[in-house]
Amino acid sequence: MPRRESAAACAALLESGYIYIDVRTVGEFDAGHPPGAYNIPAFLPGPSGMEFNPTFVAEMKANFAPETSIVLGCRTGGRSLSALKVLEAEGYTDLVDNEAGWLGTPSSIGWSPAGLPAA
């Protein structure tokens, strides 16, 4: 079962040494993200809507070892959860999903609405 945490809990994980991978598009990332976050889009706009980025896994493997402690985040938690599942299948072992993402959901406060630091 994937580990999912609140934005506040994810911020605490970053303080303890986790890194944040923002899987949103470059434009979304540029509009605001957690300080120090890396942007590796897991999905890209395609002719039928958002499609899985075929280079996502290769980019992750080229930059982060499978044992790296990683928090994944997106806009509202859907894309990051999908990315987490893909990375788990690729052997990544210490992954946490920011369940509410950057903006949040009706039931969970996101990073930005929580007033957490932003870049």
N, C-alpha and C. Protein backbone atom coordinates (compact mmCIF):
# COMPACT_ATOMS: atom_id res chain seq x y z
N MET A 1 0.84 -1.18 0.00
CA MET A 1 0.00 0.00 0.00
C MET A 1 0.88 1.25 0.00
N PRO A 2 0.68 2.15 -0.95
CA PRO A 2 1.51 3.36 -1.01
C PRO A 2 1.37 4.22 0.25
N ARG A 3 2.46 4.81 0.64
CA ARG A 3 2.45 5.72 1.80
C ARG A 3 2.02 7.11 1.32
N ARG A 4 0.93 7.61 1.89
CA ARG A 4 0.42 8.94 1.54
C ARG A 4 0.35 9.77 2.82
N GLU A 5 0.83 11.01 2.73
CA GLU A 5 0.87 11.90 3.89
C GLU A 5 0.31 13.27 3.52
N SER A 6 -0.06 14.02 4.55
CA SER A 6 -0.54 15.39 4.35
C SER A 6 0.61 16.28 3.90
N ALA A 7 0.28 17.44 3.38
CA ALA A 7 1.30 18.40 2.96
C ALA A 7 2.19 18.77 4.14
N ALA A 8 1.59 19.01 5.31
CA ALA A 8 2.38 19.37 6.49
C ALA A 8 3.34 18.24 6.88
N ALA A 9 2.88 17.00 6.83
CA ALA A 9 3.75 15.86 7.15
C ALA A 9 4.87 15.75 6.11
N CYS A 10 4.56 16.02 4.85
CA CYS A 10 5.59 15.97 3.80
C CYS A 10 6.63 17.07 4.02
N ALA A 11 6.19 18.25 4.45
CA ALA A 11 7.14 19.33 4.74
C ALA A 11 8.10 18.90 5.85
N ALA A 12 7.59 18.20 6.85
CA ALA A 12 8.44 17.70 7.93
C ALA A 12 9.42 16.66 7.41
N LEU A 13 8.98 15.82 6.48
CA LEU A 13 9.89 14.84 5.88
C LEU A 13 11.03 15.52 5.14
N LEU A 14 10.74 16.62 4.46
CA LEU A 14 11.80 17.35 3.77
C LEU A 14 12.83 17.87 4.77
N GLU A 15 12.35 18.31 5.92
CA GLU A 15 13.26 18.79 6.97
C GLU A 15 14.17 17.66 7.47
N SER A 16 13.69 16.43 7.37
CA SER A 16 14.47 15.29 7.86
C SER A 16 15.37 14.68 6.78
N GLY A 17 15.37 15.27 5.57
CA GLY A 17 16.29 14.79 4.55
C GLY A 17 15.68 14.23 3.29
N TYR A 18 14.37 14.09 3.23
CA TYR A 18 13.73 13.65 2.00
C TYR A 18 13.89 14.73 0.94
N ILE A 19 13.83 14.33 -0.32
CA ILE A 19 13.79 15.30 -1.41
C ILE A 19 12.39 15.31 -2.00
N TYR A 20 12.02 16.42 -2.62
CA TYR A 20 10.68 16.58 -3.19
C TYR A 20 10.80 16.54 -4.71
N ILE A 21 10.08 15.63 -5.32
CA ILE A 21 9.99 15.56 -6.78
C ILE A 21 8.59 16.00 -7.16
N ASP A 22 8.51 17.11 -7.86
CA ASP A 22 7.23 17.64 -8.34
C ASP A 22 7.01 17.06 -9.73
N VAL A 23 5.96 16.26 -9.88
CA VAL A 23 5.74 15.56 -11.15
C VAL A 23 4.79 16.32 -12.08
N ARG A 24 4.46 17.57 -11.73
CA ARG A 24 3.59 18.38 -12.60
C ARG A 24 4.36 18.84 -13.84
N THR A 25 3.64 19.46 -14.76
CA THR A 25 4.28 20.00 -15.95
C THR A 25 5.20 21.16 -15.57
N VAL A 26 6.08 21.52 -16.48
CA VAL A 26 7.02 22.62 -16.23
C VAL A 26 6.26 23.91 -15.92
N GLY A 27 5.20 24.19 -16.66
CA GLY A 27 4.42 25.40 -16.42
C GLY A 27 3.80 25.43 -15.03
N GLU A 28 3.26 24.30 -14.59
CA GLU A 28 2.68 24.22 -13.25
C GLU A 28 3.76 24.42 -12.19
N PHE A 29 4.89 23.78 -12.41
CA PHE A 29 6.02 23.89 -11.48
C PHE A 29 6.48 25.34 -11.39
N ASP A 30 6.62 25.99 -12.53
CA ASP A 30 7.10 27.37 -12.55
C ASP A 30 6.15 28.34 -11.85
N ALA A 31 4.88 27.97 -11.74
CA ALA A 31 3.90 28.83 -11.07
C ALA A 31 4.00 28.75 -9.55
N GLY A 32 4.76 27.81 -9.02
CA GLY A 32 4.96 27.67 -7.58
C GLY A 32 5.21 26.23 -7.20
N HIS A 33 6.15 26.03 -6.28
CA HIS A 33 6.52 24.69 -5.83
C HIS A 33 7.24 24.78 -4.49
N PRO A 34 7.38 23.67 -3.80
CA PRO A 34 8.15 23.68 -2.55
C PRO A 34 9.61 24.06 -2.82
N PRO A 35 10.22 24.84 -1.94
CA PRO A 35 11.63 25.21 -2.14
C PRO A 35 12.52 23.97 -2.25
N GLY A 36 13.44 23.99 -3.20
CA GLY A 36 14.37 22.89 -3.39
C GLY A 36 13.81 21.71 -4.17
N ALA A 37 12.55 21.80 -4.58
CA ALA A 37 11.93 20.70 -5.33
C ALA A 37 12.57 20.54 -6.70
N TYR A 38 12.59 19.31 -7.17
CA TYR A 38 13.01 18.99 -8.52
C TYR A 38 11.75 18.77 -9.36
N ASN A 39 11.81 19.14 -10.62
CA ASN A 39 10.65 18.97 -11.51
C ASN A 39 10.97 17.91 -12.55
N ILE A 40 10.29 16.77 -12.43
CA ILE A 40 10.37 15.72 -13.44
C ILE A 40 8.92 15.34 -13.75
N PRO A 41 8.36 15.90 -14.82
CA PRO A 41 6.95 15.63 -15.14
C PRO A 41 6.69 14.14 -15.39
N ALA A 42 5.68 13.62 -14.73
CA ALA A 42 5.29 12.23 -14.94
C ALA A 42 4.28 12.11 -16.06
N PHE A 43 3.56 13.17 -16.33
CA PHE A 43 2.56 13.19 -17.39
C PHE A 43 2.73 14.47 -18.19
N LEU A 44 2.46 14.38 -19.49
CA LEU A 44 2.58 15.53 -20.39
C LEU A 44 1.30 15.67 -21.20
N PRO A 45 0.95 16.89 -21.59
CA PRO A 45 -0.24 17.05 -22.43
C PRO A 45 -0.06 16.34 -23.77
N GLY A 46 -1.07 15.60 -24.17
CA GLY A 46 -1.05 14.89 -25.45
C GLY A 46 -2.35 15.12 -26.18
N PRO A 47 -2.52 14.53 -27.34
CA PRO A 47 -3.73 14.74 -28.12
C PRO A 47 -5.00 14.25 -27.44
N SER A 48 -4.86 13.31 -26.52
CA SER A 48 -6.04 12.77 -25.81
C SER A 48 -6.07 13.20 -24.35
N GLY A 49 -5.36 14.28 -24.01
CA GLY A 49 -5.27 14.72 -22.62
C GLY A 49 -3.89 14.39 -22.06
N MET A 50 -3.79 14.27 -20.75
CA MET A 50 -2.51 13.99 -20.11
C MET A 50 -2.11 12.54 -20.36
N GLU A 51 -0.86 12.36 -20.80
CA GLU A 51 -0.32 11.04 -21.11
C GLU A 51 0.96 10.82 -20.32
N PHE A 52 1.22 9.57 -19.93
CA PHE A 52 2.43 9.27 -19.17
C PHE A 52 3.66 9.68 -19.95
N ASN A 53 4.59 10.34 -19.29
CA ASN A 53 5.84 10.78 -19.90
C ASN A 53 6.74 9.56 -20.11
N PRO A 54 7.04 9.21 -21.37
CA PRO A 54 7.83 8.00 -21.61
C PRO A 54 9.26 8.08 -21.09
N THR A 55 9.76 9.27 -20.75
CA THR A 55 11.12 9.38 -20.23
C THR A 55 11.16 9.54 -18.70
N PHE A 56 10.00 9.51 -18.05
CA PHE A 56 9.95 9.75 -16.60
C PHE A 56 10.85 8.79 -15.82
N VAL A 57 10.69 7.51 -16.03
CA VAL A 57 11.47 6.52 -15.26
C VAL A 57 12.96 6.69 -15.55
N ALA A 58 13.32 6.86 -16.80
CA ALA A 58 14.74 7.03 -17.15
C ALA A 58 15.32 8.28 -16.49
N GLU A 59 14.55 9.37 -16.46
CA GLU A 59 15.02 10.60 -15.81
C GLU A 59 15.20 10.39 -14.31
N MET A 60 14.26 9.69 -13.70
CA MET A 60 14.39 9.40 -12.27
C MET A 60 15.62 8.54 -12.00
N LYS A 61 15.80 7.48 -12.78
CA LYS A 61 16.94 6.59 -12.58
C LYS A 61 18.27 7.29 -12.81
N ALA A 62 18.30 8.23 -13.75
CA ALA A 62 19.53 8.96 -14.06
C ALA A 62 19.91 9.93 -12.94
N ASN A 63 18.94 10.34 -12.13
CA ASN A 63 19.20 11.37 -11.12
C ASN A 63 19.07 10.93 -9.67
N PHE A 64 18.33 9.84 -9.43
CA PHE A 64 18.06 9.43 -8.05
C PHE A 64 18.14 7.91 -7.91
N ALA A 65 18.94 7.46 -6.96
CA ALA A 65 19.07 6.03 -6.71
C ALA A 65 17.77 5.48 -6.12
N PRO A 66 17.51 4.19 -6.32
CA PRO A 66 16.26 3.59 -5.82
C PRO A 66 16.07 3.68 -4.31
N GLU A 67 17.15 3.86 -3.54
CA GLU A 67 17.00 3.96 -2.08
C GLU A 67 16.85 5.40 -1.60
N THR A 68 16.83 6.37 -2.51
CA THR A 68 16.66 7.78 -2.13
C THR A 68 15.30 7.98 -1.47
N SER A 69 15.28 8.77 -0.40
CA SER A 69 14.04 9.10 0.30
C SER A 69 13.35 10.24 -0.44
N ILE A 70 12.18 9.95 -1.04
CA ILE A 70 11.53 10.88 -1.96
C ILE A 70 10.08 11.12 -1.58
N VAL A 71 9.69 12.41 -1.59
CA VAL A 71 8.29 12.80 -1.53
C VAL A 71 7.89 13.19 -2.94
N LEU A 72 6.79 12.65 -3.42
CA LEU A 72 6.27 12.98 -4.75
C LEU A 72 5.03 13.86 -4.59
N GLY A 73 4.94 14.89 -5.43
CA GLY A 73 3.78 15.75 -5.37
C GLY A 73 3.36 16.23 -6.74
N CYS A 74 2.08 16.57 -6.86
CA CYS A 74 1.54 17.12 -8.10
C CYS A 74 0.53 18.21 -7.74
N ARG A 75 -0.51 18.36 -8.52
CA ARG A 75 -1.52 19.40 -8.27
C ARG A 75 -2.47 19.01 -7.15
N THR A 76 -3.05 17.82 -7.24
CA THR A 76 -4.02 17.40 -6.22
C THR A 76 -3.82 15.95 -5.75
N GLY A 77 -2.72 15.32 -6.10
CA GLY A 77 -2.41 13.99 -5.59
C GLY A 77 -2.59 12.83 -6.54
N GLY A 78 -3.26 13.01 -7.65
CA GLY A 78 -3.50 11.89 -8.56
C GLY A 78 -2.28 11.47 -9.37
N ARG A 79 -1.64 12.43 -10.01
CA ARG A 79 -0.47 12.10 -10.83
C ARG A 79 0.69 11.60 -9.98
N SER A 80 0.88 12.20 -8.81
CA SER A 80 1.99 11.77 -7.96
C SER A 80 1.77 10.35 -7.43
N LEU A 81 0.53 10.00 -7.13
CA LEU A 81 0.26 8.63 -6.69
C LEU A 81 0.54 7.64 -7.82
N SER A 82 0.15 7.99 -9.04
CA SER A 82 0.45 7.13 -10.19
C SER A 82 1.95 7.00 -10.38
N ALA A 83 2.68 8.11 -10.26
CA ALA A 83 4.14 8.08 -10.41
C ALA A 83 4.77 7.22 -9.33
N LEU A 84 4.26 7.32 -8.10
CA LEU A 84 4.78 6.52 -6.99
C LEU A 84 4.65 5.03 -7.30
N LYS A 85 3.51 4.63 -7.80
CA LYS A 85 3.28 3.21 -8.12
C LYS A 85 4.24 2.73 -9.20
N VAL A 86 4.48 3.56 -10.20
CA VAL A 86 5.42 3.20 -11.26
C VAL A 86 6.83 3.05 -10.68
N LEU A 87 7.23 4.00 -9.83
CA LEU A 87 8.57 3.94 -9.25
C LEU A 87 8.73 2.76 -8.30
N GLU A 88 7.69 2.43 -7.56
CA GLU A 88 7.76 1.23 -6.70
C GLU A 88 8.01 -0.01 -7.55
N ALA A 89 7.34 -0.11 -8.69
CA ALA A 89 7.53 -1.25 -9.59
C ALA A 89 8.94 -1.28 -10.16
N GLU A 90 9.60 -0.12 -10.17
CA GLU A 90 10.97 -0.03 -10.68
C GLU A 90 12.02 -0.21 -9.58
N GLY A 91 11.57 -0.52 -8.36
CA GLY A 91 12.49 -0.83 -7.28
C GLY A 91 12.76 0.29 -6.30
N TYR A 92 12.09 1.42 -6.42
CA TYR A 92 12.27 2.50 -5.44
C TYR A 92 11.60 2.08 -4.14
N THR A 93 12.27 2.35 -3.02
CA THR A 93 11.82 1.75 -1.76
C THR A 93 11.37 2.74 -0.69
N ASP A 94 11.68 4.01 -0.81
CA ASP A 94 11.32 4.98 0.25
C ASP A 94 10.59 6.16 -0.37
N LEU A 95 9.34 5.91 -0.77
CA LEU A 95 8.53 6.90 -1.47
C LEU A 95 7.33 7.30 -0.62
N VAL A 96 7.02 8.59 -0.66
CA VAL A 96 5.85 9.12 0.04
C VAL A 96 5.11 10.03 -0.93
N ASP A 97 3.80 9.89 -0.98
CA ASP A 97 2.97 10.75 -1.83
C ASP A 97 2.37 11.88 -1.01
N ASN A 98 2.52 13.11 -1.50
CA ASN A 98 1.84 14.26 -0.91
C ASN A 98 0.39 14.13 -1.35
N GLU A 99 -0.45 13.56 -0.51
CA GLU A 99 -1.79 13.16 -0.89
C GLU A 99 -2.68 14.29 -1.39
N ALA A 100 -2.42 15.53 -1.00
CA ALA A 100 -3.25 16.65 -1.44
C ALA A 100 -2.56 17.51 -2.48
N GLY A 101 -1.31 17.21 -2.79
CA GLY A 101 -0.59 17.95 -3.81
C GLY A 101 -0.40 19.43 -3.47
N TRP A 102 -0.25 20.21 -4.52
CA TRP A 102 0.01 21.64 -4.38
C TRP A 102 -1.26 22.40 -4.00
N LEU A 103 -2.38 22.06 -4.63
CA LEU A 103 -3.61 22.83 -4.42
C LEU A 103 -4.55 22.24 -3.38
N GLY A 104 -4.53 20.95 -3.19
CA GLY A 104 -5.41 20.31 -2.23
C GLY A 104 -6.66 19.75 -2.88
N THR A 105 -7.45 19.10 -2.05
CA THR A 105 -8.70 18.48 -2.47
C THR A 105 -9.78 18.93 -1.49
N PRO A 106 -11.03 18.63 -1.77
CA PRO A 106 -12.08 19.01 -0.80
C PRO A 106 -11.86 18.41 0.59
N SER A 107 -11.15 17.29 0.68
CA SER A 107 -10.97 16.64 1.98
C SER A 107 -9.56 16.79 2.57
N SER A 108 -8.64 17.44 1.85
CA SER A 108 -7.27 17.54 2.32
C SER A 108 -6.62 18.84 1.85
N ILE A 109 -5.93 19.51 2.76
CA ILE A 109 -5.32 20.81 2.46
C ILE A 109 -4.00 20.59 1.72
N GLY A 110 -3.85 21.27 0.59
CA GLY A 110 -2.62 21.17 -0.20
C GLY A 110 -1.51 22.05 0.34
N TRP A 111 -0.34 21.93 -0.29
CA TRP A 111 0.85 22.65 0.13
C TRP A 111 0.62 24.16 0.15
N SER A 112 0.14 24.71 -0.96
CA SER A 112 -0.04 26.16 -1.04
C SER A 112 -1.10 26.68 -0.08
N PRO A 113 -2.33 26.10 -0.04
CA PRO A 113 -3.33 26.59 0.90
C PRO A 113 -2.93 26.42 2.37
N ALA A 114 -2.02 25.48 2.66
CA ALA A 114 -1.56 25.27 4.02
C ALA A 114 -0.57 26.36 4.45
N GLY A 115 -0.15 27.19 3.50
CA GLY A 115 0.79 28.26 3.81
C GLY A 115 2.21 27.79 4.00
N LEU A 116 2.53 26.62 3.46
CA LEU A 116 3.89 26.11 3.56
C LEU A 116 4.80 26.89 2.63
N PRO A 117 6.12 26.88 2.87
CA PRO A 117 7.05 27.66 2.05
C PRO A 117 6.91 27.33 0.56
N ALA A 118 7.05 28.35 -0.27
CA ALA A 118 6.94 28.19 -1.72
C ALA A 118 8.04 28.94 -2.43
N ALA A 119 8.41 28.42 -3.57
CA ALA A 119 9.42 29.07 -4.42
C ALA A 119 8.75 29.41 -5.75
